[in-house]
């Protein structure tokens, strides 16, 4: 949202911009952004019949609210208020005003973006991606990691913390006989989650090949090429490479598979409490973000399928 061009620039604003350019030596791009922000201030003041020097806190709050109602992003409003605040700070040093009406005025909080999730088809494509040109041992390991991340909703830290067997030292492990994974989550809180057949099959295949690269005394379930416990960074790199091979259109990271697990489970079951338990969230409000993802899915279905959601072709 660019500021409207002004036929004349307020003298205080003009002098302040010269100060920013000559004394503060702001970059041309920054100076242009400040100029746009101050042009907004001048337009608001002119429309309200208020001299810029006479603006009060309630004027600034109202004008910031108007910017928000016109669709200006919170970050852009913050930049605009910063430019206004700087003008009045300079004017105070020049003896032109006695108070800074922008002090204490903050931009509206930006809404938290919804977590990104893969579609069901994308998640399946990622899990079933077969790297025929690569090392079959590494491919088997990566396949198993994807199946557990997506099939169990694990955090990457929980995944790399898995050991081969349950022991007093184990942070987590997979019990194939019981078809369950036991992990140590945030706040040292333990939880158990079911493991589906695709993940169990991938696990059996990985365990068959694991000894080819794992150090003989390594307790970790997943190891890197040097035979030691794999790191979260290595998991992220392998997942990114696998997603590219699968032709997925977005950057895929481990937590996206956790989001996908939760979103797809909620779409199928509608049981928010069960999803909360499976994710290990202490508070259900943390889990409720996935109801918004679920609504997005429902909205897309509606738009694609409901006759009244489709625009009618123009009559001839």
C-alpha atoms as a PDB file:
ATOM      1  CA  UNK A   1       0.000   0.000   0.000  1.00  0.00           C
ATOM      2  CA  UNK A   2       1.961   2.998  -1.253  1.00  0.00           C
ATOM      3  CA  UNK A   3       1.358   6.471   0.083  1.00  0.00           C
ATOM      4  CA  UNK A   4      -0.616   8.837  -2.117  1.00  0.00           C
ATOM      5  CA  UNK A   5       1.594  11.389  -3.914  1.00  0.00           C
ATOM      6  CA  UNK A   6       1.531  14.853  -2.341  1.00  0.00           C
ATOM      7  CA  UNK A   7       1.357  18.109  -4.235  1.00  0.00           C
ATOM      8  CA  UNK A   8       3.599  19.703  -1.598  1.00  0.00           C
ATOM      9  CA  UNK A   9       5.631  18.314   1.253  1.00  0.00           C
ATOM     10  CA  UNK A  10       5.198  19.672   4.756  1.00  0.00           C
ATOM     11  CA  UNK A  11       8.227  21.797   5.677  1.00  0.00           C
ATOM     12  CA  UNK A  12       8.948  19.810   8.852  1.00  0.00           C
ATOM     13  CA  UNK A  13       8.891  16.548   6.887  1.00  0.00           C
ATOM     14  CA  UNK A  14      11.108  18.004   4.159  1.00  0.00           C
ATOM     15  CA  UNK A  15      13.696  19.205   6.704  1.00  0.00           C
ATOM     16  CA  UNK A  16      13.601  15.879   8.536  1.00  0.00           C
ATOM     17  CA  UNK A  17      14.199  13.948   5.306  1.00  0.00           C
ATOM     18  CA  UNK A  18      17.184  16.180   4.538  1.00  0.00           C
ATOM     19  CA  UNK A  19      18.485  15.418   8.044  1.00  0.00           C
ATOM     20  CA  UNK A  20      18.097  11.669   7.413  1.00  0.00           C
ATOM     21  CA  UNK A  21      19.852  11.897   4.056  1.00  0.00           C
ATOM     22  CA  UNK A  22      22.697  14.274   4.933  1.00  0.00           C
ATOM     23  CA  UNK A  23      23.387  13.661   8.618  1.00  0.00           C
ATOM     24  CA  UNK A  24      22.104  10.139   9.164  1.00  0.00           C
ATOM     25  CA  UNK A  25      23.149   9.052   5.642  1.00  0.00           C
ATOM     26  CA  UNK A  26      20.324   6.608   5.200  1.00  0.00           C
ATOM     27  CA  UNK A  27      20.401   4.414   2.120  1.00  0.00           C
ATOM     28  CA  UNK A  28      18.240   5.603  -0.807  1.00  0.00           C
ATOM     29  CA  UNK A  29      15.805   2.695  -0.428  1.00  0.00           C
ATOM     30  CA  UNK A  30      15.387   3.329   3.317  1.00  0.00           C
ATOM     31  CA  UNK A  31      14.966   7.036   2.702  1.00  0.00           C
ATOM     32  CA  UNK A  32      12.253   6.319   0.127  1.00  0.00           C
ATOM     33  CA  UNK A  33      10.377   4.087   2.605  1.00  0.00           C
ATOM     34  CA  UNK A  34      10.567   6.800   5.265  1.00  0.00           C
ATOM     35  CA  UNK A  35       9.316   9.330   2.731  1.00  0.00           C
ATOM     36  CA  UNK A  36       6.292   7.144   1.919  1.00  0.00           C
ATOM     37  CA  UNK A  37       5.536   6.689   5.624  1.00  0.00           C
ATOM     38  CA  UNK A  38       5.752  10.420   6.330  1.00  0.00           C
ATOM     39  CA  UNK A  39       3.580  11.151   3.308  1.00  0.00           C
ATOM     40  CA  UNK A  40       0.905   8.979   4.932  1.00  0.00           C
ATOM     41  CA  UNK A  41       1.206  11.031   8.106  1.00  0.00           C
ATOM     42  CA  UNK A  42       0.841  14.297   6.189  1.00  0.00           C
ATOM     43  CA  UNK A  43      -2.229  12.998   4.341  1.00  0.00           C
ATOM     44  CA  UNK A  44      -3.890  11.790   7.551  1.00  0.00           C
ATOM     45  CA  UNK A  45      -3.197  15.103   9.284  1.00  0.00           C
ATOM     46  CA  UNK A  46      -4.487  17.122   6.340  1.00  0.00           C
ATOM     47  CA  UNK A  47      -7.688  15.049   6.096  1.00  0.00           C
ATOM     48  CA  UNK A  48      -8.278  15.494   9.829  1.00  0.00           C
ATOM     49  CA  UNK A  49      -7.503  19.212   9.716  1.00  0.00           C
ATOM     50  CA  UNK A  50      -4.764  18.743  12.326  1.00  0.00           C
ATOM     51  CA  UNK A  51      -1.325  20.362  11.975  1.00  0.00           C
ATOM     52  CA  UNK A  52       1.384  17.704  12.126  1.00  0.00           C
ATOM     53  CA  UNK A  53       2.968  19.429  15.132  1.00  0.00           C
ATOM     54  CA  UNK A  54      -0.373  19.333  16.985  1.00  0.00           C
ATOM     55  CA  UNK A  55      -1.076  15.597  16.515  1.00  0.00           C
ATOM     56  CA  UNK A  56      -1.891  13.756  19.745  1.00  0.00           C
ATOM     57  CA  UNK A  57      -1.684  10.112  20.779  1.00  0.00           C
ATOM     58  CA  UNK A  58      -5.361   9.481  19.927  1.00  0.00           C
ATOM     59  CA  UNK A  59      -4.752  10.791  16.395  1.00  0.00           C
ATOM     60  CA  UNK A  60      -1.809   8.433  15.895  1.00  0.00           C
ATOM     61  CA  UNK A  61      -3.766   5.451  17.225  1.00  0.00           C
ATOM     62  CA  UNK A  62      -6.691   6.233  14.921  1.00  0.00           C
ATOM     63  CA  UNK A  63      -4.462   6.620  11.877  1.00  0.00           C
ATOM     64  CA  UNK A  64      -2.603   3.380  12.637  1.00  0.00           C
ATOM     65  CA  UNK A  65      -5.968   1.611  12.963  1.00  0.00           C
ATOM     66  CA  UNK A  66      -7.014   3.000   9.588  1.00  0.00           C
ATOM     67  CA  UNK A  67      -3.839   1.634   8.006  1.00  0.00           C
ATOM     68  CA  UNK A  68      -4.666  -1.755   9.494  1.00  0.00           C
ATOM     69  CA  UNK A  69      -8.281  -1.633   8.234  1.00  0.00           C
ATOM     70  CA  UNK A  70      -6.998  -0.842   4.727  1.00  0.00           C
ATOM     71  CA  UNK A  71      -5.017  -4.090   4.732  1.00  0.00           C
ATOM     72  CA  UNK A  72      -1.515  -2.825   5.462  1.00  0.00           C
ATOM     73  CA  UNK A  73       0.536  -5.620   7.049  1.00  0.00           C
ATOM     74  CA  UNK A  74       1.550  -5.364  10.692  1.00  0.00           C
ATOM     75  CA  UNK A  75       5.218  -5.210   9.749  1.00  0.00           C
ATOM     76  CA  UNK A  76       4.570  -2.295   7.372  1.00  0.00           C
ATOM     77  CA  UNK A  77       2.564  -0.468  10.042  1.00  0.00           C
ATOM     78  CA  UNK A  78       5.494  -0.941  12.432  1.00  0.00           C
ATOM     79  CA  UNK A  79       7.820   0.618   9.865  1.00  0.00           C
ATOM     80  CA  UNK A  80       5.412   3.510   9.330  1.00  0.00           C
ATOM     81  CA  UNK A  81       5.112   4.186  13.067  1.00  0.00           C
ATOM     82  CA  UNK A  82       8.899   4.027  13.383  1.00  0.00           C
ATOM     83  CA  UNK A  83       9.214   6.731  10.717  1.00  0.00           C
ATOM     84  CA  UNK A  84       6.600   8.874  12.459  1.00  0.00           C
ATOM     85  CA  UNK A  85       8.281   8.359  15.822  1.00  0.00           C
ATOM     86  CA  UNK A  86      11.597   9.432  14.336  1.00  0.00           C
ATOM     87  CA  UNK A  87      10.052  12.598  12.909  1.00  0.00           C
ATOM     88  CA  UNK A  88       8.641  13.670  16.274  1.00  0.00           C
ATOM     89  CA  UNK A  89      11.860  12.748  18.072  1.00  0.00           C
ATOM     90  CA  UNK A  90      13.761  15.014  15.671  1.00  0.00           C
ATOM     91  CA  UNK A  91      11.117  17.726  16.052  1.00  0.00           C
ATOM     92  CA  UNK A  92      11.503  17.557  19.825  1.00  0.00           C
ATOM     93  CA  UNK A  93      15.235  18.114  19.567  1.00  0.00           C
ATOM     94  CA  UNK A  94      14.533  21.065  17.287  1.00  0.00           C
ATOM     95  CA  UNK A  95      12.132  22.545  19.853  1.00  0.00           C
ATOM     96  CA  UNK A  96       9.147  22.211  17.518  1.00  0.00           C
ATOM     97  CA  UNK A  97       7.049  19.882  19.742  1.00  0.00           C
ATOM     98  CA  UNK A  98       6.925  19.168  23.459  1.00  0.00           C
ATOM     99  CA  UNK A  99       5.884  15.496  23.268  1.00  0.00           C
ATOM    100  CA  UNK A 100       6.187  12.553  20.931  1.00  0.00           C
ATOM    101  CA  UNK A 101       2.630  11.311  20.253  1.00  0.00           C
ATOM    102  CA  UNK A 102       3.912   8.062  18.713  1.00  0.00           C
ATOM    103  CA  UNK A 103       5.674   6.883  21.892  1.00  0.00           C
ATOM    104  CA  UNK A 104       3.778   3.924  23.293  1.00  0.00           C
ATOM    105  CA  UNK A 105       1.800   3.305  20.075  1.00  0.00           C
ATOM    106  CA  UNK A 106       2.449  -0.129  18.640  1.00  0.00           C
ATOM    107  CA  UNK A 107       1.323  -1.847  15.475  1.00  0.00           C
ATOM    108  CA  UNK A 108      -1.371  -4.544  15.731  1.00  0.00           C
ATOM    109  CA  UNK A 109       0.116  -7.933  16.396  1.00  0.00           C
ATOM    110  CA  UNK A 110       0.654  -9.981  13.291  1.00  0.00           C
ATOM    111  CA  UNK A 111      -1.415 -13.133  13.155  1.00  0.00           C
ATOM    112  CA  UNK A 112       0.589 -16.303  13.536  1.00  0.00           C
ATOM    113  CA  UNK A 113       0.875 -18.112  10.214  1.00  0.00           C
ATOM    114  CA  UNK A 114      -0.694 -21.536  10.109  1.00  0.00           C
ATOM    115  CA  UNK A 115       1.766 -24.413  10.060  1.00  0.00           C
ATOM    116  CA  UNK A 116       2.368 -25.750   6.583  1.00  0.00           C
ATOM    117  CA  UNK A 117       1.266 -29.293   5.900  1.00  0.00           C
ATOM    118  CA  UNK A 118       1.569 -31.583   2.911  1.00  0.00           C
ATOM    119  CA  UNK A 119      -1.472 -32.967   1.191  1.00  0.00           C
ATOM    120  CA  UNK A 120      -2.149 -36.673   1.678  1.00  0.00           C
ATOM    121  CA  UNK A 121      -0.940 -37.406  -1.851  1.00  0.00           C
ATOM    122  CA  UNK A 122       2.269 -35.443  -1.285  1.00  0.00           C
ATOM    123  CA  UNK A 123       2.968 -37.214   2.008  1.00  0.00           C
ATOM    124  CA  UNK A 124       2.440 -40.613   0.383  1.00  0.00           C
ATOM    125  CA  UNK A 125       4.660 -39.656  -2.559  1.00  0.00           C
ATOM    126  CA  UNK A 126       7.406 -38.607  -0.154  1.00  0.00           C
ATOM    127  CA  UNK A 127       7.173 -41.849   1.809  1.00  0.00           C
ATOM    128  CA  UNK A 128       7.144 -44.028  -1.309  1.00  0.00           C
ATOM    129  CA  UNK A 129       9.914 -42.167  -3.146  1.00  0.00           C
ATOM    130  CA  UNK A 130      12.447 -44.732  -4.368  1.00  0.00           C
ATOM    131  CA  UNK A 131      15.990 -43.500  -5.016  1.00  0.00           C
ATOM    132  CA  UNK A 132      17.118 -46.160  -7.455  1.00  0.00           C
ATOM    133  CA  UNK A 133      20.436 -44.403  -8.140  1.00  0.00           C
ATOM    134  CA  UNK A 134      21.470 -43.975  -4.503  1.00  0.00           C
ATOM    135  CA  UNK A 135      22.859 -46.190  -1.757  1.00  0.00           C
ATOM    136  CA  UNK A 136      20.150 -48.745  -0.841  1.00  0.00           C
ATOM    137  CA  UNK A 137      21.174 -48.667   2.830  1.00  0.00           C
ATOM    138  CA  UNK A 138      20.789 -44.891   3.067  1.00  0.00           C
ATOM    139  CA  UNK A 139      17.569 -45.069   1.047  1.00  0.00           C
ATOM    140  CA  UNK A 140      16.163 -47.644   3.465  1.00  0.00           C
ATOM    141  CA  UNK A 141      17.116 -45.504   6.476  1.00  0.00           C
ATOM    142  CA  UNK A 142      15.556 -42.386   4.959  1.00  0.00           C
ATOM    143  CA  UNK A 143      12.381 -44.278   4.074  1.00  0.00           C
ATOM    144  CA  UNK A 144      12.044 -45.508   7.649  1.00  0.00           C
ATOM    145  CA  UNK A 145      12.634 -42.021   9.077  1.00  0.00           C
ATOM    146  CA  UNK A 146       9.910 -40.541   6.840  1.00  0.00           C
ATOM    147  CA  UNK A 147       7.453 -43.280   7.790  1.00  0.00           C
ATOM    148  CA  UNK A 148       8.014 -42.643  11.501  1.00  0.00           C
ATOM    149  CA  UNK A 149       7.922 -38.849  11.211  1.00  0.00           C
ATOM    150  CA  UNK A 150       4.687 -38.879   9.231  1.00  0.00           C
ATOM    151  CA  UNK A 151       3.141 -42.053  10.615  1.00  0.00           C
ATOM    152  CA  UNK A 152       3.726 -41.192  14.287  1.00  0.00           C
ATOM    153  CA  UNK A 153       3.931 -37.400  14.311  1.00  0.00           C
ATOM    154  CA  UNK A 154       7.366 -37.411  15.918  1.00  0.00           C
ATOM    155  CA  UNK A 155       9.498 -34.331  16.424  1.00  0.00           C
ATOM    156  CA  UNK A 156      12.925 -34.578  14.810  1.00  0.00           C
ATOM    157  CA  UNK A 157      14.557 -34.611  18.268  1.00  0.00           C
ATOM    158  CA  UNK A 158      12.365 -37.527  19.280  1.00  0.00           C
ATOM    159  CA  UNK A 159      13.272 -39.388  16.091  1.00  0.00           C
ATOM    160  CA  UNK A 160      17.044 -39.038  16.472  1.00  0.00           C
ATOM    161  CA  UNK A 161      16.714 -39.953  20.171  1.00  0.00           C
ATOM    162  CA  UNK A 162      15.329 -43.398  19.377  1.00  0.00           C
ATOM    163  CA  UNK A 163      17.528 -46.336  20.386  1.00  0.00           C
ATOM    164  CA  UNK A 164      17.552 -49.870  19.108  1.00  0.00           C
ATOM    165  CA  UNK A 165      16.200 -51.289  22.339  1.00  0.00           C
ATOM    166  CA  UNK A 166      14.549 -50.144  25.548  1.00  0.00           C
ATOM    167  CA  UNK A 167      17.034 -49.591  28.335  1.00  0.00           C
ATOM    168  CA  UNK A 168      17.594 -47.364  31.324  1.00  0.00           C
ATOM    169  CA  UNK A 169      19.560 -44.977  29.130  1.00  0.00           C
ATOM    170  CA  UNK A 170      17.182 -44.958  26.159  1.00  0.00           C
ATOM    171  CA  UNK A 171      15.373 -41.702  25.431  1.00  0.00           C
ATOM    172  CA  UNK A 172      13.028 -43.618  23.164  1.00  0.00           C
ATOM    173  CA  UNK A 173      12.588 -46.819  21.221  1.00  0.00           C
ATOM    174  CA  UNK A 174      10.201 -48.625  18.869  1.00  0.00           C
ATOM    175  CA  UNK A 175       8.524 -51.786  20.101  1.00  0.00           C
ATOM    176  CA  UNK A 176       7.825 -53.660  16.864  1.00  0.00           C
ATOM    177  CA  UNK A 177       6.036 -56.494  18.664  1.00  0.00           C
ATOM    178  CA  UNK A 178       3.637 -54.041  20.287  1.00  0.00           C
ATOM    179  CA  UNK A 179       3.499 -51.739  17.208  1.00  0.00           C
ATOM    180  CA  UNK A 180       4.260 -48.686  19.332  1.00  0.00           C
ATOM    181  CA  UNK A 181       6.907 -46.001  19.634  1.00  0.00           C
ATOM    182  CA  UNK A 182       7.931 -44.657  23.028  1.00  0.00           C
ATOM    183  CA  UNK A 183       9.544 -41.220  22.975  1.00  0.00           C
ATOM    184  CA  UNK A 184      10.791 -38.528  25.315  1.00  0.00           C
ATOM    185  CA  UNK A 185       9.170 -35.263  24.293  1.00  0.00           C
ATOM    186  CA  UNK A 186       9.291 -31.664  25.452  1.00  0.00           C
ATOM    187  CA  UNK A 187       9.565 -31.141  29.173  1.00  0.00           C
ATOM    188  CA  UNK A 188      10.951 -34.684  29.540  1.00  0.00           C
ATOM    189  CA  UNK A 189       7.411 -35.961  29.085  1.00  0.00           C
ATOM    190  CA  UNK A 190       7.164 -39.520  27.835  1.00  0.00           C
ATOM    191  CA  UNK A 191       4.423 -40.664  25.506  1.00  0.00           C
ATOM    192  CA  UNK A 192       3.614 -43.719  23.421  1.00  0.00           C
ATOM    193  CA  UNK A 193       2.122 -43.621  19.931  1.00  0.00           C
ATOM    194  CA  UNK A 194       0.922 -46.400  17.615  1.00  0.00           C
ATOM    195  CA  UNK A 195       3.118 -47.390  14.683  1.00  0.00           C
ATOM    196  CA  UNK A 196       1.346 -48.375  11.482  1.00  0.00           C
ATOM    197  CA  UNK A 197       2.208 -51.314   9.264  1.00  0.00           C
ATOM    198  CA  UNK A 198       3.992 -49.238   6.569  1.00  0.00           C
ATOM    199  CA  UNK A 199       6.354 -47.856   9.216  1.00  0.00           C
ATOM    200  CA  UNK A 200       6.889 -51.302  10.767  1.00  0.00           C
ATOM    201  CA  UNK A 201       7.706 -52.755   7.351  1.00  0.00           C
ATOM    202  CA  UNK A 202      10.177 -49.936   6.696  1.00  0.00           C
ATOM    203  CA  UNK A 203      11.688 -50.502  10.152  1.00  0.00           C
ATOM    204  CA  UNK A 204      12.225 -54.206   9.530  1.00  0.00           C
ATOM    205  CA  UNK A 205      13.976 -53.443   6.237  1.00  0.00           C
ATOM    206  CA  UNK A 206      16.191 -50.793   7.851  1.00  0.00           C
ATOM    207  CA  UNK A 207      17.153 -53.102  10.730  1.00  0.00           C
ATOM    208  CA  UNK A 208      18.172 -55.728   8.174  1.00  0.00           C
ATOM    209  CA  UNK A 209      20.611 -53.260   6.558  1.00  0.00           C
ATOM    210  CA  UNK A 210      21.599 -51.076   9.511  1.00  0.00           C
ATOM    211  CA  UNK A 211      24.622 -53.200  10.479  1.00  0.00           C
ATOM    212  CA  UNK A 212      26.332 -52.300   7.197  1.00  0.00           C
ATOM    213  CA  UNK A 213      27.016 -48.743   8.366  1.00  0.00           C
ATOM    214  CA  UNK A 214      26.391 -48.660  12.130  1.00  0.00           C
ATOM    215  CA  UNK A 215      29.281 -48.830  14.585  1.00  0.00           C
ATOM    216  CA  UNK A 216      29.146 -52.079  16.541  1.00  0.00           C
ATOM    217  CA  UNK A 217      28.629 -50.318  19.876  1.00  0.00           C
ATOM    218  CA  UNK A 218      26.161 -47.672  18.647  1.00  0.00           C
ATOM    219  CA  UNK A 219      22.818 -47.774  20.467  1.00  0.00           C
ATOM    220  CA  UNK A 220      21.018 -45.323  18.172  1.00  0.00           C
ATOM    221  CA  UNK A 221      18.330 -46.642  15.866  1.00  0.00           C
ATOM    222  CA  UNK A 222      19.261 -44.192  13.124  1.00  0.00           C
ATOM    223  CA  UNK A 223      22.900 -43.575  12.240  1.00  0.00           C
ATOM    224  CA  UNK A 224      24.771 -41.460   9.733  1.00  0.00           C
ATOM    225  CA  UNK A 225      27.319 -42.697   7.224  1.00  0.00           C
ATOM    226  CA  UNK A 226      30.043 -42.616   9.903  1.00  0.00           C
ATOM    227  CA  UNK A 227      28.089 -45.107  11.962  1.00  0.00           C
ATOM    228  CA  UNK A 228      27.121 -42.786  14.825  1.00  0.00           C
ATOM    229  CA  UNK A 229      23.739 -41.377  15.868  1.00  0.00           C
ATOM    230  CA  UNK A 230      22.278 -39.214  13.127  1.00  0.00           C
ATOM    231  CA  UNK A 231      21.825 -35.509  13.907  1.00  0.00           C
ATOM    232  CA  UNK A 232      18.717 -33.351  13.378  1.00  0.00           C
ATOM    233  CA  UNK A 233      20.600 -31.380  10.710  1.00  0.00           C
ATOM    234  CA  UNK A 234      21.364 -34.554   8.789  1.00  0.00           C
ATOM    235  CA  UNK A 235      17.711 -35.589   8.947  1.00  0.00           C
ATOM    236  CA  UNK A 236      16.642 -32.197   7.578  1.00  0.00           C
ATOM    237  CA  UNK A 237      19.148 -32.425   4.722  1.00  0.00           C
ATOM    238  CA  UNK A 238      18.101 -35.961   3.776  1.00  0.00           C
ATOM    239  CA  UNK A 239      14.412 -35.063   3.922  1.00  0.00           C
ATOM    240  CA  UNK A 240      14.946 -32.018   1.723  1.00  0.00           C
ATOM    241  CA  UNK A 241      16.795 -34.127  -0.852  1.00  0.00           C
ATOM    242  CA  UNK A 242      14.113 -36.818  -0.794  1.00  0.00           C
ATOM    243  CA  UNK A 243      11.363 -34.219  -1.296  1.00  0.00           C
ATOM    244  CA  UNK A 244      13.177 -32.818  -4.336  1.00  0.00           C
ATOM    245  CA  UNK A 245      13.485 -36.317  -5.789  1.00  0.00           C
ATOM    246  CA  UNK A 246       9.750 -36.820  -5.234  1.00  0.00           C
ATOM    247  CA  UNK A 247       9.020 -33.598  -7.116  1.00  0.00           C
ATOM    248  CA  UNK A 248       7.268 -31.884  -4.219  1.00  0.00           C
ATOM    249  CA  UNK A 249       6.681 -28.173  -4.874  1.00  0.00           C
ATOM    250  CA  UNK A 250       7.569 -26.939  -1.405  1.00  0.00           C
ATOM    251  CA  UNK A 251      10.500 -27.044   0.997  1.00  0.00           C
ATOM    252  CA  UNK A 252       9.851 -30.021   3.254  1.00  0.00           C
ATOM    253  CA  UNK A 253      11.257 -30.212   6.776  1.00  0.00           C
ATOM    254  CA  UNK A 254      10.661 -32.730   9.596  1.00  0.00           C
ATOM    255  CA  UNK A 255       8.134 -30.608  11.471  1.00  0.00           C
ATOM    256  CA  UNK A 256       6.052 -30.319   8.301  1.00  0.00           C
ATOM    257  CA  UNK A 257       5.530 -34.076   8.476  1.00  0.00           C
ATOM    258  CA  UNK A 258       4.380 -33.701  12.093  1.00  0.00           C
ATOM    259  CA  UNK A 259       1.930 -30.999  10.971  1.00  0.00           C
ATOM    260  CA  UNK A 260       0.766 -33.258   8.148  1.00  0.00           C
ATOM    261  CA  UNK A 261       0.260 -36.169  10.557  1.00  0.00           C
ATOM    262  CA  UNK A 262      -1.912 -34.011  12.831  1.00  0.00           C
ATOM    263  CA  UNK A 263      -3.882 -32.354  10.045  1.00  0.00           C
ATOM    264  CA  UNK A 264      -4.658 -35.579   8.193  1.00  0.00           C
ATOM    265  CA  UNK A 265      -5.593 -37.403  11.392  1.00  0.00           C
ATOM    266  CA  UNK A 266      -7.941 -34.612  12.418  1.00  0.00           C
ATOM    267  CA  UNK A 267      -9.527 -34.527   8.966  1.00  0.00           C
ATOM    268  CA  UNK A 268     -10.275 -38.253   9.220  1.00  0.00           C
ATOM    269  CA  UNK A 269     -11.273 -38.544  12.883  1.00  0.00           C
ATOM    270  CA  UNK A 270     -12.339 -35.104  14.094  1.00  0.00           C
ATOM    271  CA  UNK A 271     -11.032 -36.153  17.533  1.00  0.00           C
ATOM    272  CA  UNK A 272      -9.035 -33.171  18.793  1.00  0.00           C
ATOM    273  CA  UNK A 273      -8.286 -34.743  22.184  1.00  0.00           C
ATOM    274  CA  UNK A 274      -6.810 -37.847  20.591  1.00  0.00           C
ATOM    275  CA  UNK A 275      -4.606 -35.731  18.317  1.00  0.00           C
ATOM    276  CA  UNK A 276      -3.471 -33.764  21.376  1.00  0.00           C
ATOM    277  CA  UNK A 277      -2.409 -36.971  23.119  1.00  0.00           C
ATOM    278  CA  UNK A 278      -0.620 -38.328  20.072  1.00  0.00           C
ATOM    279  CA  UNK A 279       1.316 -35.082  19.590  1.00  0.00           C
ATOM    280  CA  UNK A 280       2.150 -34.806  23.285  1.00  0.00           C
ATOM    281  CA  UNK A 281       0.772 -31.265  23.637  1.00  0.00           C
ATOM    282  CA  UNK A 282       0.369 -30.220  27.267  1.00  0.00           C
ATOM    283  CA  UNK A 283      -2.381 -27.738  26.347  1.00  0.00           C
ATOM    284  CA  UNK A 284      -5.161 -28.397  23.866  1.00  0.00           C
ATOM    285  CA  UNK A 285      -4.992 -24.793  22.624  1.00  0.00           C
ATOM    286  CA  UNK A 286      -1.685 -25.749  20.985  1.00  0.00           C
ATOM    287  CA  UNK A 287      -3.476 -28.498  19.098  1.00  0.00           C
ATOM    288  CA  UNK A 288      -6.422 -26.317  18.088  1.00  0.00           C
ATOM    289  CA  UNK A 289      -4.373 -24.671  15.326  1.00  0.00           C
ATOM    290  CA  UNK A 290      -4.986 -27.856  13.333  1.00  0.00           C
ATOM    291  CA  UNK A 291      -8.729 -27.226  13.365  1.00  0.00           C
ATOM    292  CA  UNK A 292      -7.955 -24.169  11.202  1.00  0.00           C
ATOM    293  CA  UNK A 293      -5.954 -26.361   8.833  1.00  0.00           C
ATOM    294  CA  UNK A 294      -8.878 -28.769   8.772  1.00  0.00           C
ATOM    295  CA  UNK A 295     -11.261 -25.913   7.943  1.00  0.00           C
ATOM    296  CA  UNK A 296      -8.993 -24.891   5.067  1.00  0.00           C
ATOM    297  CA  UNK A 297      -9.309 -28.439   3.725  1.00  0.00           C
ATOM    298  CA  UNK A 298     -13.102 -28.334   4.085  1.00  0.00           C
ATOM    299  CA  UNK A 299     -13.242 -24.941   2.374  1.00  0.00           C
ATOM    300  CA  UNK A 300     -11.274 -26.286  -0.594  1.00  0.00           C
ATOM    301  CA  UNK A 301     -13.608 -29.273  -0.837  1.00  0.00           C
ATOM    302  CA  UNK A 302     -16.601 -26.940  -0.723  1.00  0.00           C
ATOM    303  CA  UNK A 303     -15.178 -24.620  -3.372  1.00  0.00           C
ATOM    304  CA  UNK A 304     -14.407 -27.563  -5.645  1.00  0.00           C
ATOM    305  CA  UNK A 305     -17.629 -29.508  -5.179  1.00  0.00           C
ATOM    306  CA  UNK A 306     -20.576 -27.331  -4.117  1.00  0.00           C
ATOM    307  CA  UNK A 307     -22.665 -26.011  -7.031  1.00  0.00           C
ATOM    308  CA  UNK A 308     -23.307 -22.701  -5.278  1.00  0.00           C
ATOM    309  CA  UNK A 309     -19.584 -22.150  -4.699  1.00  0.00           C
ATOM    310  CA  UNK A 310     -18.816 -22.102  -8.396  1.00  0.00           C
ATOM    311  CA  UNK A 311     -19.105 -18.955 -10.456  1.00  0.00           C
ATOM    312  CA  UNK A 312     -21.676 -19.267 -13.188  1.00  0.00           C
ATOM    313  CA  UNK A 313     -20.455 -18.591 -16.710  1.00  0.00           C
ATOM    314  CA  UNK A 314     -21.757 -15.329 -18.145  1.00  0.00           C
ATOM    315  CA  UNK A 315     -24.957 -15.673 -20.116  1.00  0.00           C
ATOM    316  CA  UNK A 316     -24.803 -15.129 -23.845  1.00  0.00           C
END
